[in-house]
Amino acid sequence: MTLPLYSISIQRRKQRGVALVFVLIMISIVFVVAAVSSRLVVLGERATRNDRDRQTAFQSAEAALADAEVDIMGPNTAANERVSMFGKSGADSGCSAATATRGFCGSDLSPAAYKTIFANEDAATRQYVTYGEFTDREDQFPVSATGALPAKLPRYIIRKAKIEFRNRGLAGKPLDAFVITAVGYGVQADTQVVLQAVISKPVPTN
């Protein structure tokens, strides 16, 4: 049985219409997949960049802790070294802004006080110590406002702890305890890591 010509023409038009719809659906799916993939790539890159920034700030804070340890314990060959200041007879300066005693704080500091001290950018009134300030190691820590280097030098403060250690290796001689609080910065100055460490120092005895 032979179909009329007009019936064959209608069937062909229907087939063409279905194919067009199918192609449009496939193109839409491809666009959605491409958009999602692009979004995932952007998010992954952002997460990687943020993690790198945080690692930079973390290492910066660790460097500040190490610098503070040299400040307290020595050996320190800097002209303005103050190793002897951190002894049994030496009292803290209450976070004085004076150059020689800068950054040596009292035993009691509230969280708000820490935030205020580290946020002060005024060179004349700041109460924290910047990396290398009392150890002559500033050149060992490059910083840059651009690139992959930390945006700022790390900074720290030292306070006397309320505890006193005794070490059997020193025949019961007491040790002073100092708490170091350090802040490190990432590539972005807004990225900050705060670390603390306790340093025990033998007390001079007769």
N, C-alpha and C. Protein backbone atom coordinates (compact mmCIF):
# COMPACT_ATOMS: atom_id res chain seq x y z
N MET A 1 0.85 -1.19 0.00
CA MET A 1 0.00 0.00 0.00
C MET A 1 0.89 1.24 0.00
N THR A 2 0.62 2.12 -0.89
CA THR A 2 1.42 3.34 -1.03
C THR A 2 0.73 4.49 -0.33
N LEU A 3 1.52 5.19 0.60
CA LEU A 3 0.98 6.34 1.32
C LEU A 3 0.92 7.55 0.41
N PRO A 4 -0.07 8.37 0.61
CA PRO A 4 -0.17 9.61 -0.17
C PRO A 4 1.04 10.49 0.10
N LEU A 5 1.36 11.34 -0.84
CA LEU A 5 2.52 12.22 -0.72
C LEU A 5 2.38 13.17 0.44
N TYR A 6 1.20 13.71 0.72
CA TYR A 6 1.05 14.68 1.80
C TYR A 6 1.27 14.01 3.15
N SER A 7 0.90 12.68 3.29
CA SER A 7 1.12 11.94 4.54
C SER A 7 2.61 11.75 4.80
N ILE A 8 3.38 11.46 3.79
CA ILE A 8 4.83 11.30 3.94
C ILE A 8 5.47 12.62 4.33
N SER A 9 5.02 13.71 3.79
CA SER A 9 5.56 15.03 4.11
C SER A 9 5.32 15.39 5.56
N ILE A 10 4.13 15.08 6.11
CA ILE A 10 3.82 15.36 7.51
C ILE A 10 4.71 14.55 8.43
N GLN A 11 4.94 13.27 8.10
CA GLN A 11 5.79 12.42 8.93
C GLN A 11 7.23 12.96 8.98
N ARG A 12 7.73 13.41 7.84
CA ARG A 12 9.08 13.95 7.79
C ARG A 12 9.19 15.22 8.63
N ARG A 13 8.19 16.07 8.60
CA ARG A 13 8.22 17.29 9.40
C ARG A 13 8.22 16.96 10.90
N LYS A 14 7.45 15.91 11.29
CA LYS A 14 7.42 15.50 12.69
C LYS A 14 8.79 15.00 13.14
N GLN A 15 9.44 14.19 12.27
CA GLN A 15 10.76 13.68 12.60
C GLN A 15 11.78 14.81 12.75
N ARG A 16 11.70 15.78 11.86
CA ARG A 16 12.62 16.92 11.95
C ARG A 16 12.38 17.73 13.24
N GLY A 17 11.12 17.86 13.65
CA GLY A 17 10.80 18.58 14.88
C GLY A 17 11.34 17.87 16.11
N VAL A 18 11.24 16.55 16.17
CA VAL A 18 11.76 15.77 17.30
C VAL A 18 13.28 15.86 17.36
N ALA A 19 13.93 15.79 16.20
CA ALA A 19 15.39 15.89 16.16
C ALA A 19 15.86 17.25 16.65
N LEU A 20 15.15 18.29 16.31
CA LEU A 20 15.52 19.64 16.74
C LEU A 20 15.41 19.77 18.26
N VAL A 21 14.32 19.24 18.82
CA VAL A 21 14.14 19.28 20.27
C VAL A 21 15.25 18.49 20.96
N PHE A 22 15.59 17.33 20.42
CA PHE A 22 16.64 16.49 21.01
C PHE A 22 17.99 17.22 20.99
N VAL A 23 18.29 17.86 19.88
CA VAL A 23 19.56 18.59 19.76
C VAL A 23 19.61 19.75 20.76
N LEU A 24 18.50 20.47 20.89
CA LEU A 24 18.46 21.58 21.84
C LEU A 24 18.66 21.10 23.27
N ILE A 25 18.05 19.97 23.62
CA ILE A 25 18.21 19.41 24.96
C ILE A 25 19.67 19.04 25.21
N MET A 26 20.31 18.40 24.23
CA MET A 26 21.70 17.99 24.38
C MET A 26 22.62 19.21 24.53
N ILE A 27 22.37 20.25 23.75
CA ILE A 27 23.18 21.47 23.85
C ILE A 27 23.01 22.09 25.23
N SER A 28 21.78 22.10 25.76
CA SER A 28 21.54 22.65 27.09
C SER A 28 22.30 21.87 28.16
N ILE A 29 22.31 20.55 28.05
CA ILE A 29 23.04 19.71 29.01
C ILE A 29 24.53 20.01 28.96
N VAL A 30 25.05 20.14 27.73
CA VAL A 30 26.47 20.45 27.56
C VAL A 30 26.81 21.79 28.21
N PHE A 31 25.96 22.80 28.02
CA PHE A 31 26.20 24.11 28.62
C PHE A 31 26.17 24.04 30.15
N VAL A 32 25.23 23.28 30.71
CA VAL A 32 25.14 23.14 32.16
C VAL A 32 26.38 22.45 32.72
N VAL A 33 26.80 21.37 32.06
CA VAL A 33 28.01 20.65 32.50
C VAL A 33 29.23 21.56 32.44
N ALA A 34 29.34 22.33 31.36
CA ALA A 34 30.48 23.24 31.21
C ALA A 34 30.47 24.32 32.30
N ALA A 35 29.27 24.85 32.59
CA ALA A 35 29.17 25.90 33.62
C ALA A 35 29.53 25.35 35.00
N VAL A 36 29.03 24.15 35.31
CA VAL A 36 29.34 23.53 36.61
C VAL A 36 30.83 23.23 36.73
N SER A 37 31.42 22.70 35.65
CA SER A 37 32.85 22.39 35.65
C SER A 37 33.68 23.65 35.85
N SER A 38 33.29 24.71 35.17
CA SER A 38 34.00 25.98 35.30
C SER A 38 33.90 26.51 36.73
N ARG A 39 32.72 26.39 37.33
CA ARG A 39 32.53 26.85 38.70
C ARG A 39 33.39 26.04 39.67
N LEU A 40 33.46 24.73 39.47
CA LEU A 40 34.27 23.88 40.34
C LEU A 40 35.75 24.22 40.23
N VAL A 41 36.20 24.51 39.02
CA VAL A 41 37.60 24.89 38.82
C VAL A 41 37.92 26.19 39.58
N VAL A 42 37.01 27.16 39.47
CA VAL A 42 37.22 28.44 40.16
C VAL A 42 37.24 28.25 41.67
N LEU A 43 36.31 27.46 42.20
CA LEU A 43 36.26 27.20 43.64
C LEU A 43 37.51 26.46 44.11
N GLY A 44 37.96 25.49 43.31
CA GLY A 44 39.16 24.75 43.67
C GLY A 44 40.39 25.64 43.70
N GLU A 45 40.50 26.53 42.72
CA GLU A 45 41.63 27.46 42.68
C GLU A 45 41.59 28.41 43.88
N ARG A 46 40.39 28.87 44.22
CA ARG A 46 40.25 29.78 45.36
C ARG A 46 40.63 29.08 46.67
N ALA A 47 40.19 27.83 46.81
CA ALA A 47 40.52 27.08 48.03
C ALA A 47 42.02 26.84 48.13
N THR A 48 42.66 26.53 47.00
CA THR A 48 44.11 26.33 46.99
C THR A 48 44.84 27.60 47.36
N ARG A 49 44.38 28.72 46.82
CA ARG A 49 45.01 30.01 47.11
C ARG A 49 44.85 30.37 48.59
N ASN A 50 43.67 30.13 49.14
CA ASN A 50 43.43 30.44 50.56
C ASN A 50 44.29 29.55 51.46
N ASP A 51 44.42 28.28 51.08
CA ASP A 51 45.24 27.36 51.88
C ASP A 51 46.71 27.78 51.84
N ARG A 52 47.18 28.18 50.66
CA ARG A 52 48.56 28.65 50.55
C ARG A 52 48.77 29.90 51.40
N ASP A 53 47.79 30.79 51.39
CA ASP A 53 47.89 32.03 52.16
C ASP A 53 47.95 31.71 53.66
N ARG A 54 47.13 30.76 54.09
CA ARG A 54 47.13 30.39 55.51
C ARG A 54 48.45 29.73 55.90
N GLN A 55 48.98 28.87 55.03
CA GLN A 55 50.26 28.23 55.32
C GLN A 55 51.38 29.27 55.43
N THR A 56 51.33 30.28 54.57
CA THR A 56 52.32 31.36 54.64
C THR A 56 52.24 32.09 55.98
N ALA A 57 51.01 32.38 56.42
CA ALA A 57 50.82 33.05 57.71
C ALA A 57 51.27 32.16 58.87
N PHE A 58 51.00 30.87 58.76
CA PHE A 58 51.40 29.93 59.81
C PHE A 58 52.92 29.88 59.95
N GLN A 59 53.61 29.78 58.82
CA GLN A 59 55.08 29.74 58.86
C GLN A 59 55.65 31.07 59.36
N SER A 60 54.97 32.14 59.02
CA SER A 60 55.40 33.45 59.50
C SER A 60 55.29 33.54 61.02
N ALA A 61 54.20 33.04 61.57
CA ALA A 61 54.02 33.05 63.03
C ALA A 61 55.05 32.15 63.71
N GLU A 62 55.37 31.01 63.09
CA GLU A 62 56.39 30.12 63.66
C GLU A 62 57.75 30.82 63.68
N ALA A 63 58.05 31.58 62.63
CA ALA A 63 59.31 32.32 62.59
C ALA A 63 59.37 33.35 63.71
N ALA A 64 58.23 33.98 64.02
CA ALA A 64 58.19 34.95 65.11
C ALA A 64 58.43 34.27 66.46
N LEU A 65 57.89 33.07 66.64
CA LEU A 65 58.13 32.34 67.88
C LEU A 65 59.62 32.03 68.04
N ALA A 66 60.25 31.61 66.95
CA ALA A 66 61.68 31.30 67.00
C ALA A 66 62.51 32.55 67.30
N ASP A 67 62.11 33.68 66.73
CA ASP A 67 62.82 34.92 66.98
C ASP A 67 62.67 35.36 68.43
N ALA A 68 61.47 35.17 68.98
CA ALA A 68 61.24 35.51 70.39
C ALA A 68 62.06 34.61 71.32
N GLU A 69 62.23 33.36 70.93
CA GLU A 69 63.04 32.45 71.74
C GLU A 69 64.49 32.94 71.80
N VAL A 70 65.02 33.40 70.68
CA VAL A 70 66.38 33.96 70.67
C VAL A 70 66.43 35.23 71.51
N ASP A 71 65.37 36.02 71.44
CA ASP A 71 65.29 37.25 72.24
C ASP A 71 65.38 36.94 73.73
N ILE A 72 64.74 35.86 74.16
CA ILE A 72 64.71 35.49 75.58
C ILE A 72 65.95 34.71 75.99
N MET A 73 66.30 33.71 75.21
CA MET A 73 67.32 32.73 75.62
C MET A 73 68.71 33.04 75.10
N GLY A 74 68.80 33.69 73.92
CA GLY A 74 70.08 33.84 73.26
C GLY A 74 70.44 32.52 72.56
N PRO A 75 71.64 32.38 72.01
CA PRO A 75 72.66 33.42 71.91
C PRO A 75 72.23 34.53 70.95
N ASN A 76 72.53 35.74 71.33
CA ASN A 76 72.09 36.89 70.56
C ASN A 76 73.24 37.90 70.48
N THR A 77 73.70 38.15 69.27
CA THR A 77 74.83 39.06 69.07
C THR A 77 74.40 40.45 68.62
N ALA A 78 73.09 40.72 68.65
CA ALA A 78 72.61 42.03 68.22
C ALA A 78 73.08 43.11 69.20
N ALA A 79 73.28 44.30 68.67
CA ALA A 79 73.75 45.40 69.52
C ALA A 79 72.73 45.77 70.58
N ASN A 80 71.45 45.58 70.30
CA ASN A 80 70.40 45.93 71.26
C ASN A 80 69.81 44.70 71.94
N GLU A 81 70.59 43.62 72.02
CA GLU A 81 70.06 42.39 72.65
C GLU A 81 69.69 42.67 74.11
N ARG A 82 68.74 41.87 74.61
CA ARG A 82 68.25 42.09 75.98
C ARG A 82 67.99 40.76 76.69
N VAL A 83 68.86 39.81 76.44
CA VAL A 83 68.70 38.48 77.03
C VAL A 83 68.66 38.55 78.55
N SER A 84 69.50 39.39 79.13
CA SER A 84 69.57 39.47 80.59
C SER A 84 68.30 40.06 81.21
N MET A 85 67.50 40.74 80.41
CA MET A 85 66.27 41.33 80.94
C MET A 85 65.26 40.27 81.37
N PHE A 86 65.32 39.11 80.72
CA PHE A 86 64.37 38.04 81.01
C PHE A 86 64.96 37.12 82.09
N GLY A 87 65.14 37.65 83.29
CA GLY A 87 65.67 36.87 84.39
C GLY A 87 64.75 36.95 85.59
N LYS A 88 65.17 36.27 86.65
CA LYS A 88 64.34 36.19 87.86
C LYS A 88 64.09 37.58 88.45
N SER A 89 65.12 38.43 88.40
CA SER A 89 64.97 39.74 89.01
C SER A 89 64.26 40.73 88.10
N GLY A 90 64.16 40.39 86.83
CA GLY A 90 63.55 41.32 85.89
C GLY A 90 62.04 41.21 85.88
N ALA A 91 61.37 42.31 86.10
CA ALA A 91 59.91 42.32 86.06
C ALA A 91 59.46 42.74 84.67
N ASP A 92 58.24 42.35 84.32
CA ASP A 92 57.74 42.76 83.01
C ASP A 92 57.48 44.26 83.00
N SER A 93 57.42 44.81 81.81
CA SER A 93 57.26 46.26 81.67
C SER A 93 55.82 46.68 81.46
N GLY A 94 54.89 45.72 81.57
CA GLY A 94 53.49 46.06 81.37
C GLY A 94 53.16 46.46 79.94
N CYS A 95 53.82 45.82 78.98
CA CYS A 95 53.60 46.13 77.55
C CYS A 95 53.96 47.58 77.23
N SER A 96 55.09 48.00 77.72
CA SER A 96 55.53 49.36 77.46
C SER A 96 55.87 49.53 75.99
N ALA A 97 55.72 50.76 75.50
CA ALA A 97 56.11 51.08 74.12
C ALA A 97 57.55 51.56 74.06
N ALA A 98 58.24 51.62 75.23
CA ALA A 98 59.64 52.02 75.25
C ALA A 98 60.47 51.03 74.45
N THR A 99 61.45 51.52 73.75
CA THR A 99 62.21 50.69 72.82
C THR A 99 62.86 49.49 73.50
N ALA A 100 63.54 49.71 74.63
CA ALA A 100 64.31 48.64 75.26
C ALA A 100 63.44 47.54 75.83
N THR A 101 62.26 47.87 76.32
CA THR A 101 61.40 46.89 76.99
C THR A 101 60.14 46.58 76.18
N ARG A 102 60.12 46.99 74.95
CA ARG A 102 58.91 46.81 74.13
C ARG A 102 58.52 45.33 74.03
N GLY A 103 57.22 45.09 74.15
CA GLY A 103 56.71 43.74 73.97
C GLY A 103 56.77 42.85 75.17
N PHE A 104 57.32 43.34 76.32
CA PHE A 104 57.38 42.53 77.53
C PHE A 104 56.19 42.91 78.40
N CYS A 105 55.17 42.05 78.39
CA CYS A 105 53.88 42.40 78.98
C CYS A 105 53.66 41.74 80.33
N GLY A 106 52.58 42.16 80.98
CA GLY A 106 52.22 41.60 82.27
C GLY A 106 51.68 40.19 82.15
N SER A 107 51.50 39.55 83.29
CA SER A 107 51.05 38.17 83.30
C SER A 107 49.57 38.04 82.96
N ASP A 108 48.81 39.11 83.14
CA ASP A 108 47.37 39.07 82.86
C ASP A 108 47.05 39.94 81.65
N LEU A 109 46.58 39.29 80.60
CA LEU A 109 46.15 40.01 79.40
C LEU A 109 44.85 39.40 78.92
N SER A 110 43.85 40.23 78.71
CA SER A 110 42.57 39.74 78.21
C SER A 110 42.66 39.55 76.69
N PRO A 111 41.77 38.73 76.11
CA PRO A 111 41.76 38.58 74.65
C PRO A 111 41.61 39.91 73.92
N ALA A 112 40.83 40.81 74.49
CA ALA A 112 40.66 42.13 73.87
C ALA A 112 41.96 42.91 73.87
N ALA A 113 42.77 42.74 74.93
CA ALA A 113 44.05 43.45 75.00
C ALA A 113 45.00 42.95 73.92
N TYR A 114 45.02 41.65 73.68
CA TYR A 114 45.85 41.10 72.61
C TYR A 114 45.47 41.72 71.27
N LYS A 115 44.19 41.76 71.02
CA LYS A 115 43.71 42.28 69.73
C LYS A 115 44.11 43.75 69.56
N THR A 116 43.97 44.52 70.63
CA THR A 116 44.31 45.94 70.56
C THR A 116 45.80 46.14 70.33
N ILE A 117 46.62 45.38 71.04
CA ILE A 117 48.07 45.52 70.92
C ILE A 117 48.53 45.19 69.50
N PHE A 118 48.08 44.08 68.96
CA PHE A 118 48.56 43.66 67.64
C PHE A 118 47.98 44.49 66.50
N ALA A 119 46.88 45.17 66.76
CA ALA A 119 46.26 45.98 65.70
C ALA A 119 46.88 47.36 65.57
N ASN A 120 47.68 47.76 66.55
CA ASN A 120 48.27 49.10 66.53
C ASN A 120 49.42 49.16 65.53
N GLU A 121 49.29 49.98 64.51
CA GLU A 121 50.31 50.10 63.47
C GLU A 121 51.18 51.35 63.64
N ASP A 122 50.97 52.10 64.72
CA ASP A 122 51.74 53.32 64.95
C ASP A 122 53.13 52.95 65.47
N ALA A 123 54.16 53.31 64.71
CA ALA A 123 55.53 52.94 65.08
C ALA A 123 55.95 53.53 66.42
N ALA A 124 55.39 54.66 66.79
CA ALA A 124 55.81 55.33 68.04
C ALA A 124 55.15 54.73 69.28
N THR A 125 53.96 54.16 69.12
CA THR A 125 53.22 53.69 70.30
C THR A 125 52.99 52.18 70.32
N ARG A 126 53.46 51.48 69.32
CA ARG A 126 53.21 50.04 69.29
C ARG A 126 53.86 49.35 70.48
N GLN A 127 53.24 48.28 70.95
CA GLN A 127 53.72 47.56 72.13
C GLN A 127 54.22 46.16 71.81
N TYR A 128 54.23 45.79 70.56
CA TYR A 128 54.70 44.47 70.15
C TYR A 128 56.09 44.60 69.53
N VAL A 129 56.75 43.45 69.37
CA VAL A 129 58.08 43.38 68.76
C VAL A 129 57.93 42.80 67.36
N THR A 130 58.55 43.41 66.39
CA THR A 130 58.54 42.85 65.04
C THR A 130 59.73 41.90 64.87
N TYR A 131 59.59 41.00 63.92
CA TYR A 131 60.62 39.99 63.69
C TYR A 131 61.99 40.65 63.47
N GLY A 132 62.99 40.21 64.22
CA GLY A 132 64.35 40.69 64.05
C GLY A 132 64.67 42.00 64.73
N GLU A 133 63.71 42.59 65.41
CA GLU A 133 63.92 43.91 66.02
C GLU A 133 65.03 43.88 67.07
N PHE A 134 65.12 42.79 67.85
CA PHE A 134 66.15 42.69 68.88
C PHE A 134 67.15 41.57 68.58
N THR A 135 67.10 41.04 67.36
CA THR A 135 68.03 39.96 66.99
C THR A 135 68.79 40.25 65.69
N ASP A 136 68.52 41.41 65.09
CA ASP A 136 69.18 41.80 63.84
C ASP A 136 68.96 40.77 62.73
N ARG A 137 67.74 40.25 62.63
CA ARG A 137 67.47 39.26 61.60
C ARG A 137 66.36 39.71 60.64
N GLU A 138 66.11 41.00 60.58
CA GLU A 138 65.05 41.49 59.70
C GLU A 138 65.28 41.09 58.24
N ASP A 139 66.55 41.11 57.82
CA ASP A 139 66.86 40.81 56.42
C ASP A 139 66.61 39.36 56.06
N GLN A 140 66.47 38.50 57.07
CA GLN A 140 66.23 37.08 56.80
C GLN A 140 64.76 36.78 56.55
N PHE A 141 63.93 37.79 56.66
CA PHE A 141 62.49 37.57 56.47
C PHE A 141 61.95 38.60 55.49
N PRO A 142 62.02 38.31 54.20
CA PRO A 142 61.53 39.29 53.21
C PRO A 142 60.01 39.38 53.21
N VAL A 143 59.51 40.57 53.03
CA VAL A 143 58.08 40.80 52.92
C VAL A 143 57.81 41.59 51.65
N SER A 144 56.57 41.53 51.19
CA SER A 144 56.21 42.25 49.98
C SER A 144 54.71 42.47 49.95
N ALA A 145 54.31 43.62 49.44
CA ALA A 145 52.88 43.91 49.32
C ALA A 145 52.28 43.17 48.14
N THR A 146 53.11 42.67 47.23
CA THR A 146 52.66 41.90 46.08
C THR A 146 53.47 40.61 46.00
N GLY A 147 52.97 39.67 45.23
CA GLY A 147 53.70 38.42 45.06
C GLY A 147 53.30 37.38 46.09
N ALA A 148 54.21 36.41 46.32
CA ALA A 148 53.91 35.28 47.19
C ALA A 148 54.55 35.40 48.57
N LEU A 149 55.01 36.58 48.94
CA LEU A 149 55.65 36.78 50.25
C LEU A 149 54.63 37.33 51.25
N PRO A 150 54.90 37.15 52.55
CA PRO A 150 53.99 37.72 53.55
C PRO A 150 53.86 39.23 53.39
N ALA A 151 52.68 39.74 53.69
CA ALA A 151 52.42 41.17 53.51
C ALA A 151 53.10 42.01 54.58
N LYS A 152 53.32 41.42 55.77
CA LYS A 152 53.93 42.16 56.88
C LYS A 152 54.90 41.26 57.62
N LEU A 153 55.82 41.91 58.34
CA LEU A 153 56.68 41.16 59.25
C LEU A 153 55.83 40.59 60.39
N PRO A 154 56.12 39.37 60.82
CA PRO A 154 55.39 38.84 61.98
C PRO A 154 55.76 39.62 63.23
N ARG A 155 54.92 39.53 64.23
CA ARG A 155 55.13 40.28 65.47
C ARG A 155 54.79 39.40 66.68
N TYR A 156 55.33 39.77 67.82
CA TYR A 156 55.08 38.97 69.02
C TYR A 156 55.14 39.84 70.28
N ILE A 157 54.55 39.31 71.34
CA ILE A 157 54.70 39.88 72.68
C ILE A 157 55.06 38.74 73.63
N ILE A 158 55.71 39.10 74.71
CA ILE A 158 56.15 38.12 75.71
C ILE A 158 55.56 38.52 77.06
N ARG A 159 55.04 37.57 77.77
CA ARG A 159 54.56 37.86 79.12
C ARG A 159 55.05 36.77 80.08
N LYS A 160 55.23 37.17 81.31
CA LYS A 160 55.66 36.21 82.32
C LYS A 160 54.50 35.31 82.68
N ALA A 161 54.77 34.02 82.75
CA ALA A 161 53.72 33.08 83.11
C ALA A 161 53.57 33.03 84.62
N LYS A 162 52.42 32.57 85.06
CA LYS A 162 52.16 32.47 86.50
C LYS A 162 52.68 31.17 87.08
N ILE A 163 53.37 30.40 86.27
CA ILE A 163 53.89 29.11 86.73
C ILE A 163 55.41 29.20 86.83
N GLU A 164 55.99 28.33 87.64
CA GLU A 164 57.44 28.26 87.78
C GLU A 164 57.84 26.80 87.68
N PHE A 165 58.70 26.50 86.72
CA PHE A 165 59.15 25.13 86.52
C PHE A 165 60.35 24.83 87.41
N ARG A 166 60.51 23.53 87.69
CA ARG A 166 61.75 23.07 88.31
C ARG A 166 62.28 21.91 87.49
N ASN A 167 63.58 21.91 87.26
CA ASN A 167 64.19 20.93 86.38
C ASN A 167 65.19 20.09 87.17
N ARG A 168 64.96 18.77 87.16
CA ARG A 168 65.85 17.89 87.89
C ARG A 168 67.27 17.93 87.32
N GLY A 169 67.37 18.20 86.03
CA GLY A 169 68.68 18.27 85.41
C GLY A 169 69.50 19.44 85.91
N LEU A 170 68.84 20.43 86.51
CA LEU A 170 69.54 21.59 87.06
C LEU A 170 69.54 21.55 88.58
N ALA A 171 69.47 20.36 89.13
CA ALA A 171 69.54 20.16 90.59
C ALA A 171 68.49 20.98 91.33
N GLY A 172 67.27 21.01 90.79
CA GLY A 172 66.19 21.68 91.47
C GLY A 172 66.16 23.17 91.32
N LYS A 173 67.03 23.73 90.52
CA LYS A 173 67.03 25.18 90.33
C LYS A 173 65.76 25.59 89.59
N PRO A 174 65.17 26.72 89.97
CA PRO A 174 63.92 27.14 89.32
C PRO A 174 64.15 27.66 87.90
N LEU A 175 63.09 27.64 87.15
CA LEU A 175 63.11 28.17 85.79
C LEU A 175 61.97 29.17 85.64
N ASP A 176 62.25 30.32 85.07
CA ASP A 176 61.19 31.26 84.75
C ASP A 176 60.44 30.77 83.51
N ALA A 177 59.16 31.01 83.48
CA ALA A 177 58.35 30.63 82.32
C ALA A 177 57.82 31.88 81.63
N PHE A 178 57.94 31.91 80.33
CA PHE A 178 57.46 33.03 79.53
C PHE A 178 56.53 32.50 78.45
N VAL A 179 55.43 33.20 78.26
CA VAL A 179 54.47 32.84 77.21
C VAL A 179 54.65 33.81 76.05
N ILE A 180 54.92 33.25 74.88
CA ILE A 180 55.08 34.05 73.67
C ILE A 180 53.81 33.93 72.84
N THR A 181 53.27 35.06 72.44
CA THR A 181 52.13 35.09 71.53
C THR A 181 52.58 35.78 70.25
N ALA A 182 52.49 35.06 69.15
CA ALA A 182 52.99 35.57 67.86
C ALA A 182 51.87 35.61 66.84
N VAL A 183 51.93 36.61 65.97
CA VAL A 183 50.97 36.75 64.87
C VAL A 183 51.75 36.77 63.56
N GLY A 184 51.34 35.89 62.65
CA GLY A 184 51.95 35.85 61.33
C GLY A 184 50.94 36.25 60.27
N TYR A 185 51.42 36.82 59.19
CA TYR A 185 50.54 37.31 58.12
C TYR A 185 50.81 36.55 56.82
N GLY A 186 49.74 36.38 56.06
CA GLY A 186 49.86 35.72 54.78
C GLY A 186 50.14 36.72 53.67
N VAL A 187 49.93 36.25 52.44
CA VAL A 187 50.10 37.13 51.28
C VAL A 187 49.13 38.30 51.38
N GLN A 188 47.94 38.02 51.86
CA GLN A 188 46.97 39.05 52.16
C GLN A 188 47.09 39.41 53.64
N ALA A 189 47.15 40.70 53.94
CA ALA A 189 47.32 41.12 55.33
C ALA A 189 46.16 40.68 56.21
N ASP A 190 45.00 40.43 55.61
CA ASP A 190 43.83 40.00 56.39
C ASP A 190 43.95 38.56 56.85
N THR A 191 44.84 37.79 56.23
CA THR A 191 45.05 36.40 56.63
C THR A 191 46.06 36.38 57.77
N GLN A 192 45.61 35.97 58.95
CA GLN A 192 46.47 36.00 60.14
C GLN A 192 46.38 34.68 60.88
N VAL A 193 47.50 34.27 61.43
CA VAL A 193 47.56 33.07 62.27
C VAL A 193 48.21 33.46 63.59
N VAL A 194 47.60 33.07 64.69
CA VAL A 194 48.13 33.36 66.03
C VAL A 194 48.62 32.06 66.65
N LEU A 195 49.86 32.07 67.13
CA LEU A 195 50.44 30.90 67.79
C LEU A 195 50.98 31.32 69.15
N GLN A 196 50.98 30.38 70.07
CA GLN A 196 51.56 30.62 71.40
C GLN A 196 52.53 29.50 71.74
N ALA A 197 53.54 29.85 72.52
CA ALA A 197 54.51 28.87 73.00
C ALA A 197 54.96 29.28 74.39
N VAL A 198 55.36 28.30 75.20
CA VAL A 198 55.88 28.56 76.54
C VAL A 198 57.37 28.25 76.54
N ILE A 199 58.16 29.23 76.97
CA ILE A 199 59.61 29.07 77.04
C ILE A 199 60.02 29.08 78.51
N SER A 200 60.79 28.10 78.93
CA SER A 200 61.31 28.08 80.31
C SER A 200 62.79 28.43 80.27
N LYS A 201 63.21 29.30 81.16
CA LYS A 201 64.58 29.80 81.19
C LYS A 201 65.18 29.59 82.58
N PRO A 202 66.36 29.01 82.67
CA PRO A 202 66.98 28.83 83.99
C PRO A 202 67.19 30.16 84.69
N VAL A 203 66.93 30.18 85.96
CA VAL A 203 67.08 31.39 86.76
C VAL A 203 68.50 31.46 87.31
N PRO A 204 69.18 32.63 87.18
CA PRO A 204 70.52 32.75 87.77
C PRO A 204 70.47 32.56 89.28
N THR A 205 71.39 31.77 89.80
CA THR A 205 71.46 31.55 91.25
C THR A 205 72.88 31.75 91.73
N ASN A 206 73.03 31.98 93.03
CA ASN A 206 74.36 32.18 93.61
C ASN A 206 75.10 30.85 93.65
